[in-house]
C-alpha cells in the first residue's frame, strides 16, 4: 500500500494518491491531471476511483478531466447532485482498491455532501482519514460556504459538531489525519502550518475536538470571527458541480504568443484585463498602463479570485519569460479559463516596441518615516487584513483591506498623495496597481511594508480606528 500527499503550497491544498496491487484512487485532485496519470503509470497502476470529499469552493477540481482521461469512476458522498456521471456512495459503504478498503463516512457540516474517507489497510486496520474540509490540523471547516443551502451557518455548524463526534472522534488515536487544506486557505480560520497529524494529537490540541465541549459552545466558536469568503467561491462550486472546459483547451488558448502590437490590439478589442505577474519591485519600475500586478510568487490564485470578480473576464498575461505556462495553469486552478494569450518576450518586448509605459513611485520605510515626521497629516492606507491592522498599525492609517479595495474606492482620497503599505510589499503593490488603473495617480508604495515601518520611529498604535472600511 502506498499513500502520498501531493501538497500545493500556493493554494494550501492537499490532494492524495493511494495505490495497492495495481489499483489507485485519487482524492481531491487539482485541475491539471497529468501528474496523477504519470504517477499511476510509474507504479503500473490503473486509477480506479476519483474521490471527492465535497464540492470545493476555493479551487476547480480535476475530477471530470481525470475520469475522462482514465476511465475512473468519480465518487461523491451522500446528498451530492452533480450534473455529470458520478457514483453517489452511501454512508458506511466500502470501496476496494487492490488489497485496501476505503470506507465512506458521511460527515455533513462544512457542506451537506461533505464526506470523509477512512482508509483500512490490508488487515482491515484503520490507517488514515481523508477529511476534506471537515477536519483540518488545528481547526475545522467553516460552515458558511454551502451554496444554495436552506440551512443557516449555525445549523450547519450543529451538523459539523455531530459529524466530528459520531464519525471522527470515535476512531482510534493512531489514525492519521490527511486534510484538504493547511494554513493560508480561506476554508477555515486558524489552520496549522502542519499538513498532517495523528487523530489522537488533534483530540488533545484542536479546540473544536474538546471532549467537554457542548454543541452550543462549538457553534459559537466555529462561527465567530468568520470573514466574508472570496467572491469566486460560489463560481468554483458551480464548475465543480456542473463541469468545465477541458484543461488542455484552456492551456492552448492561454499560451498563445502575442507580439506587442497583437497584445495591444487584443486589449483594445476585447476589453481584457492586463494581468502582470512579475515581482512587485520589477512592476513598479515600468508596466503597461492600466495593468494590474498580482505576482506569481505570492498567493497568486487566491488574490486573483478575490480581486477579479468576473470569472469570465478576458485576461492578457505579462509574465517573466519561461513562466507563462505556470501562470495559465494557476489561473485555471481557480476557474479563470479565459486567458487570451501572453506578451511574447515579456515586458521588455513592450518597451522595445516604444509603447507607453507607466510607473509607481516606491520609497523606503526610512524615507516614509522622514516624510511622516515632516507632516503627520499625510494619508496612509494600510491594506492588510483587519486582524493585522488591529494588532498594530501606523497611528493615523486608514484600514482598507486589499480583499475589499474594489468596494471602497470612492472612500479613498483621489486627489491627495496616498502612502500604501501591507506587511511586506506584495499586497500593497497589488493595491497600488489597482488604484493606478482606476485613476488614482498619486499613490506611493512603502517598500518592505509594516515590517520595515515597525523599525522606524513612526508612531504606532493597536487602537482599532473607527475609520476602518470593513
Protein backbone atom coordinates (compact mmCIF):
# COMPACT_ATOMS: atom_id res chain seq x y z
CA UNK A 1 0.00 0.00 0.00
CA UNK A 2 1.22 3.47 -0.89
CA UNK A 3 -0.29 6.70 0.43
CA UNK A 4 1.08 10.00 -0.82
CA UNK A 5 0.08 13.58 -0.02
CA UNK A 6 0.50 15.91 -3.00
CA UNK A 7 0.54 19.36 -1.43
CA UNK A 8 0.29 22.60 -3.41
CA UNK A 9 1.53 25.45 -1.23
CA UNK A 10 0.16 28.37 -3.25
CA UNK A 11 -3.38 27.04 -2.70
CA UNK A 12 -2.62 25.40 0.67
CA UNK A 13 -4.31 22.33 -0.84
CA UNK A 14 -3.67 18.63 -0.34
CA UNK A 15 -4.56 16.00 -2.93
CA UNK A 16 -3.92 12.32 -2.23
CA UNK A 17 -2.73 9.25 -4.11
CA UNK A 18 -3.49 5.76 -2.80
CA UNK A 19 -2.16 2.67 -4.58
CA UNK A 20 -2.44 -1.04 -3.86
CA UNK A 21 -1.90 -4.07 -6.08
CA UNK A 22 -2.04 -2.15 -9.35
CA UNK A 23 -5.11 -0.07 -8.49
CA UNK A 24 -5.14 3.57 -7.44
CA UNK A 25 -7.51 6.20 -6.07
CA UNK A 26 -7.01 9.95 -6.27
CA UNK A 27 -8.64 12.19 -3.66
CA UNK A 28 -9.45 15.86 -4.39
CA UNK A 29 -7.17 16.30 -7.43
CA UNK A 30 -6.16 19.69 -8.79
CA UNK A 31 -7.25 20.84 -12.25
CA UNK A 32 -4.10 19.71 -14.07
CA UNK A 33 -4.39 15.93 -14.11
CA UNK A 34 -1.22 14.85 -15.92
CA UNK A 35 0.87 14.41 -12.72
CA UNK A 36 -1.65 11.93 -11.30
CA UNK A 37 -1.76 9.93 -14.52
CA UNK A 38 2.05 9.84 -14.69
CA UNK A 39 2.29 8.75 -11.06
CA UNK A 40 -0.07 5.83 -11.69
CA UNK A 41 1.77 4.85 -14.87
CA UNK A 42 5.06 4.82 -12.96
CA UNK A 43 3.50 2.39 -10.46
CA UNK A 44 1.97 0.36 -13.31
CA UNK A 45 -1.40 1.05 -11.72
CA UNK A 46 -4.85 1.86 -13.06
CA UNK A 47 -6.74 4.76 -11.49
CA UNK A 48 -9.99 3.17 -10.36
CA UNK A 49 -11.62 6.00 -8.37
CA UNK A 50 -11.53 9.77 -8.17
CA UNK A 51 -12.88 10.54 -4.72
CA UNK A 52 -14.28 13.98 -3.95
CA UNK A 53 -14.74 14.99 -0.31
CA UNK A 54 -17.22 17.74 -1.30
CA UNK A 55 -17.87 20.39 -3.95
CA UNK A 56 -14.79 22.54 -3.45
CA UNK A 57 -15.18 26.31 -3.35
CA UNK A 58 -11.57 27.50 -3.43
CA UNK A 59 -10.31 25.61 -6.49
CA UNK A 60 -11.57 23.74 -9.53
CA UNK A 61 -11.04 20.03 -9.03
CA UNK A 62 -9.62 17.81 -11.76
CA UNK A 63 -12.22 15.10 -11.20
CA UNK A 64 -14.03 15.49 -14.55
CA UNK A 65 -10.92 15.57 -16.75
CA UNK A 66 -9.20 12.80 -14.77
CA UNK A 67 -12.19 10.48 -15.11
CA UNK A 68 -12.41 11.16 -18.85
CA UNK A 69 -8.70 10.51 -19.33
CA UNK A 70 -8.51 7.29 -17.30
CA UNK A 71 -12.00 5.78 -17.21
CA UNK A 72 -12.02 6.11 -13.43
CA UNK A 73 -15.29 6.47 -11.52
CA UNK A 74 -15.96 9.80 -9.81
CA UNK A 75 -17.27 9.22 -6.29
CA UNK A 76 -19.13 11.67 -4.06
CA UNK A 77 -20.77 11.07 -0.71
CA UNK A 78 -24.49 11.26 0.14
CA UNK A 79 -26.50 14.37 -0.86
CA UNK A 80 -24.23 15.29 -3.78
CA UNK A 81 -26.10 16.00 -7.01
CA UNK A 82 -23.51 16.61 -9.73
CA UNK A 83 -24.59 17.34 -13.30
CA UNK A 84 -22.18 14.76 -14.76
CA UNK A 85 -21.88 11.00 -14.39
CA UNK A 86 -20.70 10.05 -10.90
CA UNK A 87 -21.26 7.39 -8.27
CA UNK A 88 -23.04 8.64 -5.14
CA UNK A 89 -21.84 6.42 -2.31
CA UNK A 90 -23.84 5.60 0.79
CA UNK A 91 -22.73 6.27 4.36
CA UNK A 92 -20.71 3.29 5.56
CA UNK A 93 -20.20 1.87 2.06
CA UNK A 94 -16.82 0.27 1.35
CA UNK A 95 -14.81 0.60 -1.85
CA UNK A 96 -11.95 -1.76 -2.70
CA UNK A 97 -8.63 -0.53 -4.13
CA UNK A 98 -6.32 -3.50 -4.54
CA UNK A 99 -5.93 -5.06 -1.10
CA UNK A 100 -7.08 -1.99 0.84
CA UNK A 101 -10.54 -0.68 1.63
CA UNK A 102 -11.87 2.88 1.61
CA UNK A 103 -14.89 3.34 3.85
CA UNK A 104 -17.29 6.22 3.19
CA UNK A 105 -18.10 8.31 6.27
CA UNK A 106 -20.74 10.94 5.60
CA UNK A 107 -19.68 13.99 7.64
CA UNK A 108 -22.02 16.90 6.81
CA UNK A 109 -21.43 20.33 8.28
CA UNK A 110 -18.93 22.18 6.14
CA UNK A 111 -21.38 21.35 3.36
CA UNK A 112 -24.17 18.81 3.40
CA UNK A 113 -22.43 16.44 0.97
CA UNK A 114 -19.10 16.60 2.86
CA UNK A 115 -17.61 13.15 3.23
CA UNK A 116 -14.56 11.73 4.98
CA UNK A 117 -12.86 8.65 3.54
CA UNK A 118 -11.45 6.14 6.03
CA UNK A 119 -8.58 4.00 4.69
CA UNK A 120 -8.38 0.46 6.06
CA UNK A 121 -5.13 -1.38 5.38
CA UNK A 122 -4.68 -4.93 4.07
CA UNK A 123 -5.56 -6.31 7.51
CA UNK A 124 -8.67 -4.16 7.92
CA UNK A 125 -6.98 -1.84 10.44
CA UNK A 126 -7.92 1.84 10.38
CA UNK A 127 -4.91 3.62 8.86
CA UNK A 128 -5.92 7.18 7.96
CA UNK A 129 -8.77 9.54 7.18
CA UNK A 130 -9.01 11.91 4.25
CA UNK A 131 -11.12 14.51 5.95
CA UNK A 132 -11.58 17.12 3.22
CA UNK A 133 -12.79 20.34 4.84
CA UNK A 134 -14.47 18.55 7.77
CA UNK A 135 -11.34 18.40 9.94
CA UNK A 136 -8.13 20.38 9.48
CA UNK A 137 -4.99 20.32 11.56
CA UNK A 138 -5.85 22.69 14.40
CA UNK A 139 -9.23 23.71 13.01
CA UNK A 140 -12.43 22.57 11.28
CA UNK A 141 -14.13 23.69 8.09
CA UNK A 142 -16.13 26.90 8.17
CA UNK A 143 -19.90 26.25 7.98
CA UNK A 144 -20.87 29.26 5.87
CA UNK A 145 -19.79 28.18 2.38
CA UNK A 146 -22.58 25.82 1.39
CA UNK A 147 -24.02 27.23 -1.83
CA UNK A 148 -27.84 27.45 -2.06
CA UNK A 149 -28.25 25.67 1.25
CA UNK A 150 -31.54 26.13 3.08
CA UNK A 151 -29.65 25.82 6.36
CA UNK A 152 -28.09 28.66 8.34
CA UNK A 153 -24.40 28.58 9.21
CA UNK A 154 -25.41 27.82 12.80
CA UNK A 155 -27.44 24.80 11.67
CA UNK A 156 -24.55 23.60 9.50
CA UNK A 157 -22.23 24.02 12.49
CA UNK A 158 -24.55 21.80 14.51
CA UNK A 159 -24.28 19.11 11.82
CA UNK A 160 -20.49 19.51 11.89
CA UNK A 161 -20.43 19.04 15.67
CA UNK A 162 -22.38 15.79 15.32
CA UNK A 163 -20.22 14.56 12.43
CA UNK A 164 -16.99 15.11 14.34
CA UNK A 165 -18.24 13.40 17.47
CA UNK A 166 -20.03 10.43 15.93
CA UNK A 167 -17.82 9.70 12.89
CA UNK A 168 -14.33 11.12 13.56
CA UNK A 169 -13.62 11.25 17.30
CA UNK A 170 -14.70 7.61 17.73
CA UNK A 171 -11.79 6.43 15.55
CA UNK A 172 -8.50 5.18 17.08
CA UNK A 173 -5.93 7.76 18.17
CA UNK A 174 -3.24 6.37 15.85
CA UNK A 175 -5.29 7.13 12.71
CA UNK A 176 -3.50 9.67 10.50
CA UNK A 177 -5.45 12.80 9.56
CA UNK A 178 -4.99 13.94 5.95
CA UNK A 179 -6.98 17.19 5.42
CA UNK A 180 -7.73 19.01 2.18
CA UNK A 181 -6.08 22.26 3.32
CA UNK A 182 -3.45 23.83 5.56
CA UNK A 183 -2.54 27.30 6.77
CA UNK A 184 -3.36 30.02 4.27
CA UNK A 185 -6.62 28.57 2.99
CA UNK A 186 -9.81 30.61 3.37
CA UNK A 187 -11.79 27.41 4.09
CA UNK A 188 -11.01 27.66 7.81
CA UNK A 189 -9.97 30.29 10.35
CA UNK A 190 -6.77 29.18 12.10
CA UNK A 191 -5.29 26.14 10.42
CA UNK A 192 -1.89 24.85 11.42
CA UNK A 193 1.09 25.08 9.09
CA UNK A 194 1.38 21.30 9.55
CA UNK A 195 -0.38 19.33 6.82
CA UNK A 196 -0.94 16.05 8.67
CA UNK A 197 -1.16 14.74 12.25
CA UNK A 198 -2.37 11.82 14.35
CA UNK A 199 -6.01 11.97 15.33
CA UNK A 200 -5.11 11.43 18.99
CA UNK A 201 -2.99 14.57 18.98
CA UNK A 202 -5.80 16.53 17.36
CA UNK A 203 -8.16 15.36 20.08
CA UNK A 204 -5.76 16.95 22.58
CA UNK A 205 -4.89 20.17 20.72
CA UNK A 206 -7.71 21.08 18.30
CA UNK A 207 -10.15 23.45 20.02
CA UNK A 208 -13.09 22.00 18.09
CA UNK A 209 -12.47 18.46 19.36
CA UNK A 210 -12.57 19.20 23.08
CA UNK A 211 -14.33 16.30 24.77
CA UNK A 212 -16.23 18.54 27.18
CA UNK A 213 -17.40 21.00 24.52
CA UNK A 214 -21.17 21.47 24.26
CA UNK A 215 -22.88 21.89 20.92
CA UNK A 216 -23.74 25.49 21.79
CA UNK A 217 -20.09 26.28 22.61
CA UNK A 218 -18.96 24.63 19.38
CA UNK A 219 -21.40 26.61 17.24
CA UNK A 220 -20.34 29.87 18.87
CA UNK A 221 -16.60 29.25 18.47
CA UNK A 222 -16.79 27.91 14.91
CA UNK A 223 -18.96 30.75 13.60
CA UNK A 224 -17.21 33.55 15.46
CA UNK A 225 -14.89 35.86 13.51
CA UNK A 226 -15.60 34.48 10.04
CA UNK A 227 -14.54 36.90 7.31
CA UNK A 228 -16.64 37.03 4.13
CA UNK A 229 -15.49 34.33 1.68
CA UNK A 230 -13.78 35.37 -1.57
CA UNK A 231 -16.25 36.21 -4.32
CA UNK A 232 -15.09 33.44 -6.65
CA UNK A 233 -16.01 30.63 -4.24
CA UNK A 234 -19.61 30.11 -5.47
CA UNK A 235 -18.39 30.13 -9.07
CA UNK A 236 -15.87 27.36 -8.36
CA UNK A 237 -18.56 25.31 -6.62
CA UNK A 238 -20.73 25.68 -9.73
CA UNK A 239 -17.91 24.48 -12.00
CA UNK A 240 -17.14 21.53 -9.71
CA UNK A 241 -20.81 20.58 -9.67
CA UNK A 242 -21.67 21.14 -13.33
CA UNK A 243 -18.39 20.55 -15.19
CA UNK A 244 -15.98 22.79 -17.07
CA UNK A 245 -13.82 23.21 -20.17
CA UNK A 246 -11.06 20.68 -20.78
CA UNK A 247 -7.78 21.83 -19.24
CA UNK A 248 -5.88 21.18 -22.50
CA UNK A 249 -8.15 23.60 -24.39
CA UNK A 250 -7.76 26.23 -21.66
CA UNK A 251 -3.97 25.89 -21.78
CA UNK A 252 -3.82 26.07 -25.58
CA UNK A 253 -5.77 29.33 -25.62
CA UNK A 254 -3.84 30.92 -22.77
CA UNK A 255 -0.44 30.03 -24.20
CA UNK A 256 -0.86 31.88 -27.47
CA UNK A 257 2.20 34.10 -28.08
CA UNK A 258 1.34 37.72 -28.89
CA UNK A 259 3.60 40.44 -30.24
CA UNK A 260 3.41 43.88 -28.64
CA UNK A 261 1.13 45.04 -31.46
CA UNK A 262 -1.13 41.97 -31.27
CA UNK A 263 -1.23 42.24 -27.48
CA UNK A 264 -2.26 45.91 -27.63
CA UNK A 265 -4.88 45.18 -30.28
CA UNK A 266 -6.34 42.31 -28.25
CA UNK A 267 -6.58 44.53 -25.18
CA UNK A 268 -8.38 47.26 -27.13
CA UNK A 269 -10.74 44.90 -28.97
CA UNK A 270 -11.76 42.63 -26.09
CA UNK A 271 -11.53 44.89 -23.06
CA UNK A 272 -9.29 42.26 -21.49
CA UNK A 273 -7.62 42.85 -18.15
CA UNK A 274 -3.86 43.06 -18.49
CA UNK A 275 -2.50 40.94 -15.64
CA UNK A 276 1.18 41.49 -14.88
CA UNK A 277 2.57 38.65 -12.77
CA UNK A 278 6.12 39.91 -12.30
CA UNK A 279 7.72 40.70 -8.94
CA UNK A 280 6.32 43.88 -7.31
CA UNK A 281 9.65 45.70 -7.44
CA UNK A 282 10.02 44.99 -11.17
CA UNK A 283 6.44 46.05 -11.89
CA UNK A 284 6.94 49.38 -10.07
CA UNK A 285 9.83 50.34 -12.39
CA UNK A 286 7.67 50.06 -15.50
CA UNK A 287 4.44 48.45 -16.70
CA UNK A 288 1.74 48.62 -19.36
CA UNK A 289 -0.69 51.42 -18.39
CA UNK A 290 -3.83 50.18 -16.55
CA UNK A 291 -2.38 46.71 -15.93
CA UNK A 292 -2.82 45.04 -12.54
CA UNK A 293 0.09 43.43 -10.72
CA UNK A 294 -0.51 40.15 -8.88
CA UNK A 295 2.89 38.50 -8.50
CA UNK A 296 3.16 34.83 -9.34
CA UNK A 297 5.47 34.27 -6.34
CA UNK A 298 2.81 35.13 -3.74
CA UNK A 299 -0.66 33.75 -3.02
CA UNK A 300 -1.43 34.34 -6.67
CA UNK A 301 -4.57 32.31 -7.35
CA UNK A 302 -6.49 33.32 -4.20
CA UNK A 303 -5.76 37.01 -4.83
CA UNK A 304 -6.88 36.69 -8.45
CA UNK A 305 -10.11 35.16 -7.18
CA UNK A 306 -10.61 37.83 -4.57
CA UNK A 307 -9.90 40.83 -6.82
CA UNK A 308 -11.20 39.86 -10.27
CA UNK A 309 -14.94 39.42 -9.61
CA UNK A 310 -15.89 38.17 -13.09
CA UNK A 311 -14.53 34.66 -13.60
CA UNK A 312 -15.23 35.01 -17.34
CA UNK A 313 -13.12 38.19 -17.58
CA UNK A 314 -10.80 38.01 -20.62
CA UNK A 315 -7.19 38.18 -19.39
CA UNK A 316 -3.97 39.06 -21.19
CA UNK A 317 -0.80 37.98 -19.41
CA UNK A 318 2.53 39.69 -18.84
CA UNK A 319 4.91 37.21 -17.21
CA UNK A 320 8.56 36.56 -16.60
CA UNK A 321 9.99 34.67 -19.56
CA UNK A 322 9.57 30.93 -19.09
CA UNK A 323 6.76 31.20 -16.51
CA UNK A 324 3.81 31.73 -18.85
CA UNK A 325 2.55 28.13 -18.55
CA UNK A 326 2.69 28.36 -14.76
CA UNK A 327 0.53 31.50 -14.83
CA UNK A 328 -2.13 29.99 -17.12
CA UNK A 329 -2.19 26.81 -15.02
CA UNK A 330 -2.61 28.67 -11.75
CA UNK A 331 -5.38 30.82 -13.21
CA UNK A 332 -7.20 27.69 -14.39
CA UNK A 333 -6.93 26.14 -10.93
CA UNK A 334 -9.40 28.72 -9.65
CA UNK A 335 -11.60 28.77 -12.76
CA UNK A 336 -10.17 31.73 -14.69
CA UNK A 337 -10.22 29.98 -18.06
CA UNK A 338 -10.46 32.99 -20.36
CA UNK A 339 -6.76 33.80 -20.79
CA UNK A 340 -6.33 35.07 -24.35
CA UNK A 341 -2.56 34.79 -24.59
CA UNK A 342 0.64 36.33 -23.27
CA UNK A 343 3.11 39.02 -24.32
CA UNK A 344 5.93 37.18 -26.09
CA UNK A 345 9.25 38.16 -24.56
CA UNK A 346 7.59 39.80 -21.57
CA UNK A 347 7.56 43.46 -20.66
CA UNK A 348 10.89 44.08 -22.41
CA UNK A 349 9.11 43.44 -25.72
CA UNK A 350 6.61 46.19 -24.91
CA UNK A 351 9.38 48.65 -24.07
CA UNK A 352 11.39 47.73 -27.16
CA UNK A 353 8.33 48.45 -29.31
CA UNK A 354 8.26 52.02 -27.97
CA UNK A 355 4.86 51.60 -26.34
CA UNK A 356 3.62 53.81 -23.50
CA UNK A 357 4.89 52.83 -20.04
CA UNK A 358 3.69 53.75 -16.55
CA UNK A 359 5.47 53.52 -13.17
CA UNK A 360 4.63 53.52 -9.47
CA UNK A 361 6.62 55.56 -7.01
CA UNK A 362 8.15 53.46 -4.23
CA UNK A 363 10.02 54.74 -1.19
CA UNK A 364 11.86 53.08 1.69
CA UNK A 365 10.40 52.87 5.18
CA UNK A 366 13.10 55.29 6.32
CA UNK A 367 12.03 57.86 3.72
CA UNK A 368 8.40 57.32 4.74
CA UNK A 369 9.35 57.99 8.39
CA UNK A 370 11.11 61.19 7.37
CA UNK A 371 8.07 62.42 5.43
CA UNK A 372 5.74 61.47 8.27
CA UNK A 373 7.86 63.41 10.74
CA UNK A 374 7.69 66.47 8.49
CA UNK A 375 3.92 66.15 8.06
CA UNK A 376 1.93 63.72 10.19
CA UNK A 377 -1.21 64.55 8.19
CA UNK A 378 -0.07 62.58 5.13
CA UNK A 379 -2.60 59.96 4.01
CA UNK A 380 -1.52 56.45 5.00
CA UNK A 381 -3.53 53.47 3.74
CA UNK A 382 -2.97 50.06 5.35
CA UNK A 383 -4.17 47.24 3.05
CA UNK A 384 -3.52 44.37 5.46
CA UNK A 385 -6.28 42.21 6.92
CA UNK A 386 -8.33 43.65 9.82
CA UNK A 387 -6.62 41.42 12.39
CA UNK A 388 -3.17 42.55 11.31
CA UNK A 389 -4.25 46.18 11.45
CA UNK A 390 -5.81 45.79 14.88
CA UNK A 391 -2.67 44.19 16.31
CA UNK A 392 -0.60 47.28 15.45
CA UNK A 393 -0.70 49.98 12.81
CA UNK A 394 0.58 53.43 11.93
CA UNK A 395 -1.25 55.83 14.21
CA UNK A 396 -3.15 57.75 11.51
CA UNK A 397 -3.51 54.94 8.98
CA UNK A 398 -6.80 54.17 7.28
CA UNK A 399 -7.62 50.45 7.15
CA UNK A 400 -8.56 49.41 3.62
CA UNK A 401 -8.07 45.62 3.39
CA UNK A 402 -6.98 44.57 -0.09
CA UNK A 403 -9.79 41.98 -0.24
CA UNK A 404 -12.38 44.78 -0.26
CA UNK A 405 -10.49 47.51 -2.10
CA UNK A 406 -12.75 47.42 -5.15
CA UNK A 407 -15.78 48.10 -2.96
CA UNK A 408 -14.32 51.16 -1.29
CA UNK A 409 -12.55 53.16 -3.99
CA UNK A 410 -14.95 56.08 -3.50
CA UNK A 411 -13.83 56.40 0.13
CA UNK A 412 -10.14 56.86 -0.69
CA UNK A 413 -8.61 60.32 -1.26
CA UNK A 414 -8.35 60.64 -5.03
CA UNK A 415 -6.52 63.97 -5.26
CA UNK A 416 -4.06 63.64 -2.37
CA UNK A 417 -0.86 61.63 -2.26
CA UNK A 418 -1.53 58.24 -0.65
CA UNK A 419 1.12 56.12 1.04
CA UNK A 420 0.21 52.44 0.75
CA UNK A 421 1.66 49.58 2.74
CA UNK A 422 0.89 45.97 3.67
CA UNK A 423 3.03 43.60 5.73
CA UNK A 424 5.93 43.16 3.32
CA UNK A 425 5.15 44.80 -0.03
CA UNK A 426 3.32 42.16 -2.09
CA UNK A 427 -0.25 43.26 -1.35
CA UNK A 428 0.46 46.99 -1.38
CA UNK A 429 1.79 46.78 -4.94
CA UNK A 430 -1.38 44.96 -5.98
CA UNK A 431 -3.38 47.75 -4.35
CA UNK A 432 -1.24 50.44 -5.97
CA UNK A 433 -1.70 48.92 -9.42
CA UNK A 434 -5.48 48.69 -8.96
CA UNK A 435 -5.69 52.29 -7.78
CA UNK A 436 -3.48 53.47 -10.66
CA UNK A 437 -5.72 51.70 -13.16
CA UNK A 438 -8.74 53.47 -11.59
CA UNK A 439 -7.21 56.93 -12.00
CA UNK A 440 -5.53 57.39 -8.62
CA UNK A 441 -2.29 58.90 -9.87
CA UNK A 442 -0.76 59.92 -6.54
CA UNK A 443 -0.07 56.54 -4.95
CA UNK A 444 3.25 55.85 -3.23
CA UNK A 445 4.24 52.34 -2.19
CA UNK A 446 6.19 51.90 1.04
CA UNK A 447 8.78 49.19 0.39
CA UNK A 448 9.05 46.44 2.99
CA UNK A 449 5.60 47.22 4.38
CA UNK A 450 4.78 47.35 8.06
CA UNK A 451 7.64 45.00 8.87
CA UNK A 452 10.05 47.74 7.76
CA UNK A 453 7.94 50.58 9.19
CA UNK A 454 7.98 48.86 12.60
CA UNK A 455 11.74 49.52 12.81
CA UNK A 456 11.28 53.29 12.38
CA UNK A 457 10.07 55.96 14.79
CA UNK A 458 6.72 56.42 13.04
CA UNK A 459 4.02 56.49 15.80
CA UNK A 460 2.10 53.22 16.04
CA UNK A 461 -0.92 52.01 17.98
CA UNK A 462 -3.08 48.93 18.46
CA UNK A 463 -6.24 51.02 18.78
CA UNK A 464 -8.93 50.00 16.31
CA UNK A 465 -9.59 53.16 14.37
CA UNK A 466 -13.26 53.92 13.58
CA UNK A 467 -12.23 54.75 10.00
CA UNK A 468 -11.81 51.03 9.26
CA UNK A 469 -13.57 50.34 5.97
CA UNK A 470 -14.60 46.72 6.54
